[in-house]
């Protein structure tokens, strides 16, 4: 009897271990509603054109969004040029007519903001000929999203591989030369654009902007795992970086254009406060890495879900050779 009891107890213990391991490997539960692919966005925003400021929105009803802190009035940050601003096109603008309402197209839309600005600075061929400035940017987004360039998926969005390859090809086909097209971060990316830096550096981003270049941030949407083992990733989002503020003794602040429809109805410069993480783990099964040294966006950023923890996974900078 004692042997049978021991055997039975061992089997129960083994079953519990297997069940616990399976639970750790299983995706964590998410709030109701769709899980965000790379760049997925919810809500609706319509836009029109304001000269030199890009598309502007007509009033439209949109769902409530969660803002992590209230952004203050935009000031000219260090490392940006405010003689003209990149546009603020929404990824679900009706004129784009993108699959899924543009929910997963933040990548090509964010890139189009800076390319449209650069086209007014002597790089005219970066934007297709299509009539008005708004129509030209719309045509650019549609082109960048195709398989020939970024290969944006209506279900999975655009990762660093697609964004970097597509941007490089588009610039080459437009007849311009790249001085620097680089990536910093931990997500998969082509070796051609690698810097060997897994933690995006604010000084690197500032240098690119001060050189007359462009920059984009790849933010991961994380949430605390149910077993408190770290932060589990459940999607991502691209932002157009406009400027960086760094002052001794103060938290860094970045200024961004956010293409998500829940970011607002009119062109807006979002001033976002950063916090450098000092502990924890970033988890995107099967990958897991220390969170220390990565920047969390703690205030001024619009969240998709109330429990989102936005962390900068990676960043891309572009500096062009002088136009011929």
C-alpha atoms as a PDB file:
ATOM      1  CA  UNK A   1       0.000   0.000   0.000  1.00  0.00           C
ATOM      2  CA  UNK A   2       2.833   2.389   0.924  1.00  0.00           C
ATOM      3  CA  UNK A   3       4.560   1.692  -2.419  1.00  0.00           C
ATOM      4  CA  UNK A   4       1.353   2.385  -4.327  1.00  0.00           C
ATOM      5  CA  UNK A   5       0.834   5.611  -2.399  1.00  0.00           C
ATOM      6  CA  UNK A   6       4.398   6.735  -3.134  1.00  0.00           C
ATOM      7  CA  UNK A   7       4.000   5.939  -6.836  1.00  0.00           C
ATOM      8  CA  UNK A   8       0.680   7.760  -6.986  1.00  0.00           C
ATOM      9  CA  UNK A   9       2.157  10.771  -5.215  1.00  0.00           C
ATOM     10  CA  UNK A  10       5.083  10.866  -7.639  1.00  0.00           C
ATOM     11  CA  UNK A  11       2.720  10.789 -10.620  1.00  0.00           C
ATOM     12  CA  UNK A  12       0.686  13.679  -9.196  1.00  0.00           C
ATOM     13  CA  UNK A  13       3.855  15.709  -8.571  1.00  0.00           C
ATOM     14  CA  UNK A  14       5.080  15.046 -12.120  1.00  0.00           C
ATOM     15  CA  UNK A  15       1.730  16.120 -13.547  1.00  0.00           C
ATOM     16  CA  UNK A  16       1.875  19.366 -11.574  1.00  0.00           C
ATOM     17  CA  UNK A  17       5.402  20.108 -12.853  1.00  0.00           C
ATOM     18  CA  UNK A  18       4.354  19.485 -16.468  1.00  0.00           C
ATOM     19  CA  UNK A  19       1.276  21.668 -16.059  1.00  0.00           C
ATOM     20  CA  UNK A  20       3.304  24.525 -14.541  1.00  0.00           C
ATOM     21  CA  UNK A  21       5.908  24.335 -17.339  1.00  0.00           C
ATOM     22  CA  UNK A  22       3.193  24.424 -19.994  1.00  0.00           C
ATOM     23  CA  UNK A  23       1.618  27.453 -18.326  1.00  0.00           C
ATOM     24  CA  UNK A  24       4.956  29.289 -18.351  1.00  0.00           C
ATOM     25  CA  UNK A  25       5.421  28.608 -22.054  1.00  0.00           C
ATOM     26  CA  UNK A  26       1.846  29.527 -22.994  1.00  0.00           C
ATOM     27  CA  UNK A  27       1.023  33.070 -24.146  1.00  0.00           C
ATOM     28  CA  UNK A  28      -0.177  35.279 -21.344  1.00  0.00           C
ATOM     29  CA  UNK A  29      -3.835  36.276 -21.388  1.00  0.00           C
ATOM     30  CA  UNK A  30      -4.615  39.670 -22.861  1.00  0.00           C
ATOM     31  CA  UNK A  31      -7.504  42.054 -22.363  1.00  0.00           C
ATOM     32  CA  UNK A  32     -10.551  41.685 -24.568  1.00  0.00           C
ATOM     33  CA  UNK A  33     -10.088  42.821 -28.151  1.00  0.00           C
ATOM     34  CA  UNK A  34      -7.489  41.977 -30.799  1.00  0.00           C
ATOM     35  CA  UNK A  35      -3.838  41.459 -29.967  1.00  0.00           C
ATOM     36  CA  UNK A  36      -1.730  44.068 -31.709  1.00  0.00           C
ATOM     37  CA  UNK A  37       0.630  43.044 -34.497  1.00  0.00           C
ATOM     38  CA  UNK A  38       3.574  45.281 -35.331  1.00  0.00           C
ATOM     39  CA  UNK A  39       1.998  48.714 -35.600  1.00  0.00           C
ATOM     40  CA  UNK A  40      -1.626  47.706 -35.146  1.00  0.00           C
ATOM     41  CA  UNK A  41      -3.850  50.616 -34.190  1.00  0.00           C
ATOM     42  CA  UNK A  42      -7.453  50.958 -33.187  1.00  0.00           C
ATOM     43  CA  UNK A  43      -9.854  53.835 -33.688  1.00  0.00           C
ATOM     44  CA  UNK A  44     -10.475  56.302 -36.493  1.00  0.00           C
ATOM     45  CA  UNK A  45      -8.981  59.623 -37.548  1.00  0.00           C
ATOM     46  CA  UNK A  46      -9.446  61.573 -40.758  1.00  0.00           C
ATOM     47  CA  UNK A  47      -7.021  64.134 -42.103  1.00  0.00           C
ATOM     48  CA  UNK A  48      -6.649  66.919 -44.661  1.00  0.00           C
ATOM     49  CA  UNK A  49      -3.677  69.046 -45.688  1.00  0.00           C
ATOM     50  CA  UNK A  50      -2.025  72.011 -44.003  1.00  0.00           C
ATOM     51  CA  UNK A  51       0.836  73.536 -46.080  1.00  0.00           C
ATOM     52  CA  UNK A  52       4.287  72.649 -44.697  1.00  0.00           C
ATOM     53  CA  UNK A  53       2.668  70.862 -41.776  1.00  0.00           C
ATOM     54  CA  UNK A  54       1.329  67.830 -43.622  1.00  0.00           C
ATOM     55  CA  UNK A  55      -2.071  66.149 -43.315  1.00  0.00           C
ATOM     56  CA  UNK A  56      -4.450  67.539 -40.763  1.00  0.00           C
ATOM     57  CA  UNK A  57      -7.557  65.912 -39.462  1.00  0.00           C
ATOM     58  CA  UNK A  58     -11.173  66.799 -40.005  1.00  0.00           C
ATOM     59  CA  UNK A  59     -13.174  66.401 -36.785  1.00  0.00           C
ATOM     60  CA  UNK A  60     -14.177  62.776 -36.405  1.00  0.00           C
ATOM     61  CA  UNK A  61     -15.525  60.609 -33.645  1.00  0.00           C
ATOM     62  CA  UNK A  62     -12.848  58.323 -32.259  1.00  0.00           C
ATOM     63  CA  UNK A  63     -12.761  55.893 -29.335  1.00  0.00           C
ATOM     64  CA  UNK A  64     -11.272  56.930 -26.036  1.00  0.00           C
ATOM     65  CA  UNK A  65      -7.569  56.210 -25.717  1.00  0.00           C
ATOM     66  CA  UNK A  66      -5.276  56.020 -22.726  1.00  0.00           C
ATOM     67  CA  UNK A  67      -2.657  58.720 -22.403  1.00  0.00           C
ATOM     68  CA  UNK A  68       0.249  58.004 -20.086  1.00  0.00           C
ATOM     69  CA  UNK A  69       0.550  61.469 -18.613  1.00  0.00           C
ATOM     70  CA  UNK A  70      -0.460  64.694 -20.320  1.00  0.00           C
ATOM     71  CA  UNK A  71       2.006  66.055 -22.913  1.00  0.00           C
ATOM     72  CA  UNK A  72       2.892  69.678 -22.381  1.00  0.00           C
ATOM     73  CA  UNK A  73       2.966  72.279 -25.119  1.00  0.00           C
ATOM     74  CA  UNK A  74       5.635  71.347 -27.691  1.00  0.00           C
ATOM     75  CA  UNK A  75       8.956  73.164 -27.337  1.00  0.00           C
ATOM     76  CA  UNK A  76      11.866  73.047 -29.757  1.00  0.00           C
ATOM     77  CA  UNK A  77      13.898  70.062 -28.553  1.00  0.00           C
ATOM     78  CA  UNK A  78      17.630  69.660 -28.978  1.00  0.00           C
ATOM     79  CA  UNK A  79      18.467  67.798 -32.170  1.00  0.00           C
ATOM     80  CA  UNK A  80      15.475  68.780 -34.323  1.00  0.00           C
ATOM     81  CA  UNK A  81      14.783  71.292 -37.062  1.00  0.00           C
ATOM     82  CA  UNK A  82      11.654  73.363 -36.614  1.00  0.00           C
ATOM     83  CA  UNK A  83      11.860  75.533 -39.713  1.00  0.00           C
ATOM     84  CA  UNK A  84       9.394  72.944 -41.018  1.00  0.00           C
ATOM     85  CA  UNK A  85       7.866  69.894 -39.427  1.00  0.00           C
ATOM     86  CA  UNK A  86       7.339  66.408 -40.844  1.00  0.00           C
ATOM     87  CA  UNK A  87       3.675  65.648 -41.497  1.00  0.00           C
ATOM     88  CA  UNK A  88       1.500  63.701 -39.083  1.00  0.00           C
ATOM     89  CA  UNK A  89      -0.400  61.271 -41.283  1.00  0.00           C
ATOM     90  CA  UNK A  90      -2.711  58.797 -39.600  1.00  0.00           C
ATOM     91  CA  UNK A  91      -2.303  55.160 -40.577  1.00  0.00           C
ATOM     92  CA  UNK A  92      -6.076  54.741 -40.941  1.00  0.00           C
ATOM     93  CA  UNK A  93      -6.609  57.842 -43.074  1.00  0.00           C
ATOM     94  CA  UNK A  94      -9.479  56.946 -45.458  1.00  0.00           C
ATOM     95  CA  UNK A  95      -7.510  58.180 -48.477  1.00  0.00           C
ATOM     96  CA  UNK A  96      -4.881  55.501 -47.852  1.00  0.00           C
ATOM     97  CA  UNK A  97      -7.496  52.754 -48.294  1.00  0.00           C
ATOM     98  CA  UNK A  98      -5.148  50.234 -46.699  1.00  0.00           C
ATOM     99  CA  UNK A  99      -6.110  46.659 -45.788  1.00  0.00           C
ATOM    100  CA  UNK A 100      -7.672  46.368 -42.362  1.00  0.00           C
ATOM    101  CA  UNK A 101      -8.199  50.107 -42.246  1.00  0.00           C
ATOM    102  CA  UNK A 102      -4.429  50.600 -41.944  1.00  0.00           C
ATOM    103  CA  UNK A 103      -4.332  49.059 -38.456  1.00  0.00           C
ATOM    104  CA  UNK A 104      -0.922  47.442 -39.031  1.00  0.00           C
ATOM    105  CA  UNK A 105       0.667  50.101 -41.263  1.00  0.00           C
ATOM    106  CA  UNK A 106       2.433  52.391 -38.789  1.00  0.00           C
ATOM    107  CA  UNK A 107       5.813  51.457 -40.333  1.00  0.00           C
ATOM    108  CA  UNK A 108       5.377  52.853 -43.853  1.00  0.00           C
ATOM    109  CA  UNK A 109       3.281  55.762 -42.549  1.00  0.00           C
ATOM    110  CA  UNK A 110       5.936  56.806 -40.009  1.00  0.00           C
ATOM    111  CA  UNK A 111       8.659  56.561 -42.638  1.00  0.00           C
ATOM    112  CA  UNK A 112       6.576  58.591 -45.093  1.00  0.00           C
ATOM    113  CA  UNK A 113       6.435  61.512 -42.642  1.00  0.00           C
ATOM    114  CA  UNK A 114      10.180  62.149 -42.780  1.00  0.00           C
ATOM    115  CA  UNK A 115      10.548  61.271 -46.480  1.00  0.00           C
ATOM    116  CA  UNK A 116       7.828  63.798 -47.294  1.00  0.00           C
ATOM    117  CA  UNK A 117       9.708  66.449 -45.312  1.00  0.00           C
ATOM    118  CA  UNK A 118      13.005  65.551 -47.004  1.00  0.00           C
ATOM    119  CA  UNK A 119      11.324  65.902 -50.402  1.00  0.00           C
ATOM    120  CA  UNK A 120      10.869  69.598 -49.589  1.00  0.00           C
ATOM    121  CA  UNK A 121      14.575  69.921 -48.775  1.00  0.00           C
ATOM    122  CA  UNK A 122      15.978  69.066 -52.196  1.00  0.00           C
ATOM    123  CA  UNK A 123      15.117  65.351 -52.402  1.00  0.00           C
ATOM    124  CA  UNK A 124      11.995  65.753 -54.532  1.00  0.00           C
ATOM    125  CA  UNK A 125      12.031  62.226 -55.970  1.00  0.00           C
ATOM    126  CA  UNK A 126      11.558  60.646 -52.535  1.00  0.00           C
ATOM    127  CA  UNK A 127       7.835  61.225 -52.982  1.00  0.00           C
ATOM    128  CA  UNK A 128       5.914  60.097 -56.103  1.00  0.00           C
ATOM    129  CA  UNK A 129       4.309  62.618 -58.425  1.00  0.00           C
ATOM    130  CA  UNK A 130       0.626  62.438 -57.544  1.00  0.00           C
ATOM    131  CA  UNK A 131      -0.799  65.961 -57.407  1.00  0.00           C
ATOM    132  CA  UNK A 132      -1.288  67.584 -54.007  1.00  0.00           C
ATOM    133  CA  UNK A 133       1.152  67.048 -51.107  1.00  0.00           C
ATOM    134  CA  UNK A 134      -1.431  64.872 -49.364  1.00  0.00           C
ATOM    135  CA  UNK A 135      -1.907  62.665 -52.432  1.00  0.00           C
ATOM    136  CA  UNK A 136       1.847  62.373 -52.893  1.00  0.00           C
ATOM    137  CA  UNK A 137       2.305  61.133 -49.340  1.00  0.00           C
ATOM    138  CA  UNK A 138      -0.609  58.723 -49.708  1.00  0.00           C
ATOM    139  CA  UNK A 139       0.989  57.320 -52.871  1.00  0.00           C
ATOM    140  CA  UNK A 140       4.310  57.003 -51.027  1.00  0.00           C
ATOM    141  CA  UNK A 141       2.771  54.991 -48.190  1.00  0.00           C
ATOM    142  CA  UNK A 142       1.028  52.633 -50.592  1.00  0.00           C
ATOM    143  CA  UNK A 143       4.269  52.095 -52.487  1.00  0.00           C
ATOM    144  CA  UNK A 144       6.443  51.544 -49.417  1.00  0.00           C
ATOM    145  CA  UNK A 145       3.987  48.967 -48.058  1.00  0.00           C
ATOM    146  CA  UNK A 146       4.203  46.740 -51.157  1.00  0.00           C
ATOM    147  CA  UNK A 147       6.163  43.501 -51.377  1.00  0.00           C
ATOM    148  CA  UNK A 148       8.737  45.250 -53.555  1.00  0.00           C
ATOM    149  CA  UNK A 149       9.730  47.441 -50.609  1.00  0.00           C
ATOM    150  CA  UNK A 150       8.684  46.881 -46.972  1.00  0.00           C
ATOM    151  CA  UNK A 151       6.244  44.026 -47.526  1.00  0.00           C
ATOM    152  CA  UNK A 152       3.942  45.213 -44.755  1.00  0.00           C
ATOM    153  CA  UNK A 153       1.500  42.544 -43.609  1.00  0.00           C
ATOM    154  CA  UNK A 154      -2.074  43.552 -42.736  1.00  0.00           C
ATOM    155  CA  UNK A 155      -1.827  41.014 -39.917  1.00  0.00           C
ATOM    156  CA  UNK A 156       1.787  41.298 -38.718  1.00  0.00           C
ATOM    157  CA  UNK A 157       2.753  44.854 -39.656  1.00  0.00           C
ATOM    158  CA  UNK A 158       6.349  45.795 -40.505  1.00  0.00           C
ATOM    159  CA  UNK A 159       9.389  44.571 -38.596  1.00  0.00           C
ATOM    160  CA  UNK A 160      12.882  46.091 -38.739  1.00  0.00           C
ATOM    161  CA  UNK A 161      13.894  43.719 -41.566  1.00  0.00           C
ATOM    162  CA  UNK A 162      11.143  44.904 -43.888  1.00  0.00           C
ATOM    163  CA  UNK A 163      11.384  48.554 -42.933  1.00  0.00           C
ATOM    164  CA  UNK A 164      15.155  48.776 -43.442  1.00  0.00           C
ATOM    165  CA  UNK A 165      15.225  46.836 -46.709  1.00  0.00           C
ATOM    166  CA  UNK A 166      12.242  48.701 -48.109  1.00  0.00           C
ATOM    167  CA  UNK A 167      13.582  52.114 -47.160  1.00  0.00           C
ATOM    168  CA  UNK A 168      16.998  51.323 -48.642  1.00  0.00           C
ATOM    169  CA  UNK A 169      15.467  50.127 -51.920  1.00  0.00           C
ATOM    170  CA  UNK A 170      13.146  53.105 -52.225  1.00  0.00           C
ATOM    171  CA  UNK A 171      15.955  55.615 -51.738  1.00  0.00           C
ATOM    172  CA  UNK A 172      18.117  53.829 -54.304  1.00  0.00           C
ATOM    173  CA  UNK A 173      15.277  53.687 -56.831  1.00  0.00           C
ATOM    174  CA  UNK A 174      14.680  57.403 -56.285  1.00  0.00           C
ATOM    175  CA  UNK A 175      18.284  58.028 -57.326  1.00  0.00           C
ATOM    176  CA  UNK A 176      19.756  59.204 -54.023  1.00  0.00           C
ATOM    177  CA  UNK A 177      22.717  57.895 -52.021  1.00  0.00           C
ATOM    178  CA  UNK A 178      22.650  56.942 -48.358  1.00  0.00           C
ATOM    179  CA  UNK A 179      25.353  58.235 -46.034  1.00  0.00           C
ATOM    180  CA  UNK A 180      23.995  56.334 -43.044  1.00  0.00           C
ATOM    181  CA  UNK A 181      21.105  53.912 -42.668  1.00  0.00           C
ATOM    182  CA  UNK A 182      21.557  52.154 -39.333  1.00  0.00           C
ATOM    183  CA  UNK A 183      19.710  50.144 -36.716  1.00  0.00           C
ATOM    184  CA  UNK A 184      20.192  49.869 -32.980  1.00  0.00           C
ATOM    185  CA  UNK A 185      18.109  47.442 -30.957  1.00  0.00           C
ATOM    186  CA  UNK A 186      17.526  43.789 -30.216  1.00  0.00           C
ATOM    187  CA  UNK A 187      14.939  42.818 -32.849  1.00  0.00           C
ATOM    188  CA  UNK A 188      15.992  40.839 -35.919  1.00  0.00           C
ATOM    189  CA  UNK A 189      17.437  43.072 -38.643  1.00  0.00           C
ATOM    190  CA  UNK A 190      19.671  42.773 -41.743  1.00  0.00           C
ATOM    191  CA  UNK A 191      23.398  42.659 -41.003  1.00  0.00           C
ATOM    192  CA  UNK A 192      23.965  45.343 -43.631  1.00  0.00           C
ATOM    193  CA  UNK A 193      22.403  47.946 -41.320  1.00  0.00           C
ATOM    194  CA  UNK A 194      23.674  46.584 -38.013  1.00  0.00           C
ATOM    195  CA  UNK A 195      25.653  48.680 -35.544  1.00  0.00           C
ATOM    196  CA  UNK A 196      26.226  45.966 -32.962  1.00  0.00           C
ATOM    197  CA  UNK A 197      24.358  48.062 -30.388  1.00  0.00           C
ATOM    198  CA  UNK A 198      21.366  46.361 -28.787  1.00  0.00           C
ATOM    199  CA  UNK A 199      20.310  49.294 -26.570  1.00  0.00           C
ATOM    200  CA  UNK A 200      19.271  52.345 -28.677  1.00  0.00           C
ATOM    201  CA  UNK A 201      21.339  55.381 -27.680  1.00  0.00           C
ATOM    202  CA  UNK A 202      19.797  58.835 -27.456  1.00  0.00           C
ATOM    203  CA  UNK A 203      23.099  60.467 -28.452  1.00  0.00           C
ATOM    204  CA  UNK A 204      23.132  58.413 -31.666  1.00  0.00           C
ATOM    205  CA  UNK A 205      19.598  59.553 -32.500  1.00  0.00           C
ATOM    206  CA  UNK A 206      20.438  63.182 -31.732  1.00  0.00           C
ATOM    207  CA  UNK A 207      23.527  63.084 -33.953  1.00  0.00           C
ATOM    208  CA  UNK A 208      21.440  61.868 -36.914  1.00  0.00           C
ATOM    209  CA  UNK A 209      18.809  64.580 -36.462  1.00  0.00           C
ATOM    210  CA  UNK A 210      21.423  67.306 -36.091  1.00  0.00           C
ATOM    211  CA  UNK A 211      23.047  66.080 -39.317  1.00  0.00           C
ATOM    212  CA  UNK A 212      19.798  66.824 -41.167  1.00  0.00           C
ATOM    213  CA  UNK A 213      18.687  63.195 -41.103  1.00  0.00           C
ATOM    214  CA  UNK A 214      15.625  61.311 -39.958  1.00  0.00           C
ATOM    215  CA  UNK A 215      14.908  58.819 -37.197  1.00  0.00           C
ATOM    216  CA  UNK A 216      12.229  56.334 -36.218  1.00  0.00           C
ATOM    217  CA  UNK A 217      11.549  54.462 -32.981  1.00  0.00           C
ATOM    218  CA  UNK A 218      10.283  50.884 -32.743  1.00  0.00           C
ATOM    219  CA  UNK A 219       8.315  50.619 -29.512  1.00  0.00           C
ATOM    220  CA  UNK A 220       7.312  47.274 -28.063  1.00  0.00           C
ATOM    221  CA  UNK A 221       4.017  46.966 -26.208  1.00  0.00           C
ATOM    222  CA  UNK A 222       4.793  44.932 -23.071  1.00  0.00           C
ATOM    223  CA  UNK A 223       2.772  43.838 -20.066  1.00  0.00           C
ATOM    224  CA  UNK A 224       3.706  42.177 -16.809  1.00  0.00           C
ATOM    225  CA  UNK A 225       3.651  38.418 -17.143  1.00  0.00           C
ATOM    226  CA  UNK A 226       1.320  36.529 -14.852  1.00  0.00           C
ATOM    227  CA  UNK A 227       4.276  34.928 -13.053  1.00  0.00           C
ATOM    228  CA  UNK A 228       6.141  38.245 -12.681  1.00  0.00           C
ATOM    229  CA  UNK A 229       9.098  36.842 -14.613  1.00  0.00           C
ATOM    230  CA  UNK A 230       9.399  40.015 -16.634  1.00  0.00           C
ATOM    231  CA  UNK A 231       7.621  41.995 -19.326  1.00  0.00           C
ATOM    232  CA  UNK A 232       5.991  40.006 -22.123  1.00  0.00           C
ATOM    233  CA  UNK A 233       5.789  41.576 -25.576  1.00  0.00           C
ATOM    234  CA  UNK A 234       2.461  41.514 -27.422  1.00  0.00           C
ATOM    235  CA  UNK A 235       2.981  43.814 -30.376  1.00  0.00           C
ATOM    236  CA  UNK A 236       4.912  46.825 -31.563  1.00  0.00           C
ATOM    237  CA  UNK A 237       4.515  50.304 -33.001  1.00  0.00           C
ATOM    238  CA  UNK A 238       6.646  52.689 -35.110  1.00  0.00           C
ATOM    239  CA  UNK A 239       6.947  56.380 -34.212  1.00  0.00           C
ATOM    240  CA  UNK A 240       8.454  59.279 -36.166  1.00  0.00           C
ATOM    241  CA  UNK A 241      11.140  60.820 -33.952  1.00  0.00           C
ATOM    242  CA  UNK A 242      11.373  64.602 -34.282  1.00  0.00           C
ATOM    243  CA  UNK A 243      13.651  65.589 -31.421  1.00  0.00           C
ATOM    244  CA  UNK A 244      15.510  64.643 -28.253  1.00  0.00           C
ATOM    245  CA  UNK A 245      15.935  66.695 -25.080  1.00  0.00           C
ATOM    246  CA  UNK A 246      18.621  65.794 -22.570  1.00  0.00           C
ATOM    247  CA  UNK A 247      19.458  68.018 -19.603  1.00  0.00           C
ATOM    248  CA  UNK A 248      21.701  67.162 -16.682  1.00  0.00           C
ATOM    249  CA  UNK A 249      19.780  65.829 -13.706  1.00  0.00           C
ATOM    250  CA  UNK A 250      16.488  65.547 -15.630  1.00  0.00           C
ATOM    251  CA  UNK A 251      14.713  62.664 -17.311  1.00  0.00           C
ATOM    252  CA  UNK A 252      15.203  62.582 -21.102  1.00  0.00           C
ATOM    253  CA  UNK A 253      12.311  63.786 -23.252  1.00  0.00           C
ATOM    254  CA  UNK A 254      11.639  62.881 -26.885  1.00  0.00           C
ATOM    255  CA  UNK A 255       9.312  64.557 -29.342  1.00  0.00           C
ATOM    256  CA  UNK A 256       7.449  62.281 -31.758  1.00  0.00           C
ATOM    257  CA  UNK A 257       4.765  62.072 -34.390  1.00  0.00           C
ATOM    258  CA  UNK A 258       2.471  59.140 -33.600  1.00  0.00           C
ATOM    259  CA  UNK A 259       0.579  57.698 -36.608  1.00  0.00           C
ATOM    260  CA  UNK A 260      -1.872  55.757 -34.421  1.00  0.00           C
ATOM    261  CA  UNK A 261      -5.443  57.043 -34.818  1.00  0.00           C
ATOM    262  CA  UNK A 262      -5.894  57.107 -31.051  1.00  0.00           C
ATOM    263  CA  UNK A 263      -3.067  59.686 -30.832  1.00  0.00           C
ATOM    264  CA  UNK A 264      -5.432  62.536 -31.699  1.00  0.00           C
ATOM    265  CA  UNK A 265      -7.465  64.185 -34.406  1.00  0.00           C
ATOM    266  CA  UNK A 266      -4.992  66.871 -35.480  1.00  0.00           C
ATOM    267  CA  UNK A 267      -1.239  67.039 -36.151  1.00  0.00           C
ATOM    268  CA  UNK A 268       0.443  66.871 -32.766  1.00  0.00           C
ATOM    269  CA  UNK A 269       3.948  66.808 -31.381  1.00  0.00           C
ATOM    270  CA  UNK A 270       3.907  64.361 -28.494  1.00  0.00           C
ATOM    271  CA  UNK A 271       6.491  65.168 -25.793  1.00  0.00           C
ATOM    272  CA  UNK A 272       7.284  61.890 -24.094  1.00  0.00           C
ATOM    273  CA  UNK A 273       9.300  61.439 -20.914  1.00  0.00           C
ATOM    274  CA  UNK A 274      11.644  58.443 -20.789  1.00  0.00           C
ATOM    275  CA  UNK A 275      12.903  56.300 -17.942  1.00  0.00           C
ATOM    276  CA  UNK A 276      15.889  54.007 -18.257  1.00  0.00           C
ATOM    277  CA  UNK A 277      14.977  50.565 -16.931  1.00  0.00           C
ATOM    278  CA  UNK A 278      17.301  49.150 -14.291  1.00  0.00           C
ATOM    279  CA  UNK A 279      15.821  45.677 -13.786  1.00  0.00           C
ATOM    280  CA  UNK A 280      13.437  43.094 -15.201  1.00  0.00           C
ATOM    281  CA  UNK A 281      13.357  40.942 -18.329  1.00  0.00           C
ATOM    282  CA  UNK A 282      11.957  41.603 -21.801  1.00  0.00           C
ATOM    283  CA  UNK A 283      10.221  38.466 -23.060  1.00  0.00           C
ATOM    284  CA  UNK A 284       9.117  37.693 -26.605  1.00  0.00           C
ATOM    285  CA  UNK A 285       9.043  33.877 -26.720  1.00  0.00           C
ATOM    286  CA  UNK A 286      11.471  32.296 -27.328  1.00  0.00           C
ATOM    287  CA  UNK A 287      13.668  35.376 -26.727  1.00  0.00           C
ATOM    288  CA  UNK A 288      14.301  36.782 -23.250  1.00  0.00           C
ATOM    289  CA  UNK A 289      16.858  39.437 -22.343  1.00  0.00           C
ATOM    290  CA  UNK A 290      17.628  41.786 -19.456  1.00  0.00           C
ATOM    291  CA  UNK A 291      15.544  44.960 -19.563  1.00  0.00           C
ATOM    292  CA  UNK A 292      18.286  47.035 -17.944  1.00  0.00           C
ATOM    293  CA  UNK A 293      19.432  49.882 -20.183  1.00  0.00           C
ATOM    294  CA  UNK A 294      16.304  50.058 -22.358  1.00  0.00           C
ATOM    295  CA  UNK A 295      14.064  53.120 -22.244  1.00  0.00           C
ATOM    296  CA  UNK A 296      10.461  52.979 -21.118  1.00  0.00           C
ATOM    297  CA  UNK A 297       8.066  55.686 -22.327  1.00  0.00           C
ATOM    298  CA  UNK A 298       6.474  56.766 -19.066  1.00  0.00           C
ATOM    299  CA  UNK A 299       4.403  59.876 -19.805  1.00  0.00           C
ATOM    300  CA  UNK A 300       3.034  61.695 -22.817  1.00  0.00           C
ATOM    301  CA  UNK A 301       2.548  58.559 -24.931  1.00  0.00           C
ATOM    302  CA  UNK A 302      -0.854  57.258 -26.021  1.00  0.00           C
ATOM    303  CA  UNK A 303      -1.355  53.651 -24.964  1.00  0.00           C
ATOM    304  CA  UNK A 304      -3.307  50.997 -26.830  1.00  0.00           C
ATOM    305  CA  UNK A 305      -4.343  49.311 -23.579  1.00  0.00           C
ATOM    306  CA  UNK A 306      -4.326  50.666 -20.027  1.00  0.00           C
ATOM    307  CA  UNK A 307      -1.786  48.058 -18.878  1.00  0.00           C
ATOM    308  CA  UNK A 308       0.656  48.568 -21.764  1.00  0.00           C
ATOM    309  CA  UNK A 309       4.303  49.147 -20.847  1.00  0.00           C
ATOM    310  CA  UNK A 310       5.918  50.823 -23.893  1.00  0.00           C
ATOM    311  CA  UNK A 311       9.644  50.145 -24.261  1.00  0.00           C
ATOM    312  CA  UNK A 312      11.952  51.251 -27.088  1.00  0.00           C
ATOM    313  CA  UNK A 313      13.053  47.936 -28.641  1.00  0.00           C
ATOM    314  CA  UNK A 314      14.982  49.524 -31.474  1.00  0.00           C
ATOM    315  CA  UNK A 315      15.506  52.557 -33.663  1.00  0.00           C
ATOM    316  CA  UNK A 316      16.462  53.460 -37.224  1.00  0.00           C
ATOM    317  CA  UNK A 317      18.352  56.526 -38.423  1.00  0.00           C
ATOM    318  CA  UNK A 318      18.783  57.827 -41.965  1.00  0.00           C
ATOM    319  CA  UNK A 319      21.231  60.446 -43.263  1.00  0.00           C
ATOM    320  CA  UNK A 320      21.378  61.069 -47.019  1.00  0.00           C
ATOM    321  CA  UNK A 321      24.281  62.230 -49.139  1.00  0.00           C
ATOM    322  CA  UNK A 322      23.750  65.739 -50.549  1.00  0.00           C
ATOM    323  CA  UNK A 323      21.257  65.727 -53.409  1.00  0.00           C
ATOM    324  CA  UNK A 324      22.893  65.899 -56.851  1.00  0.00           C
END
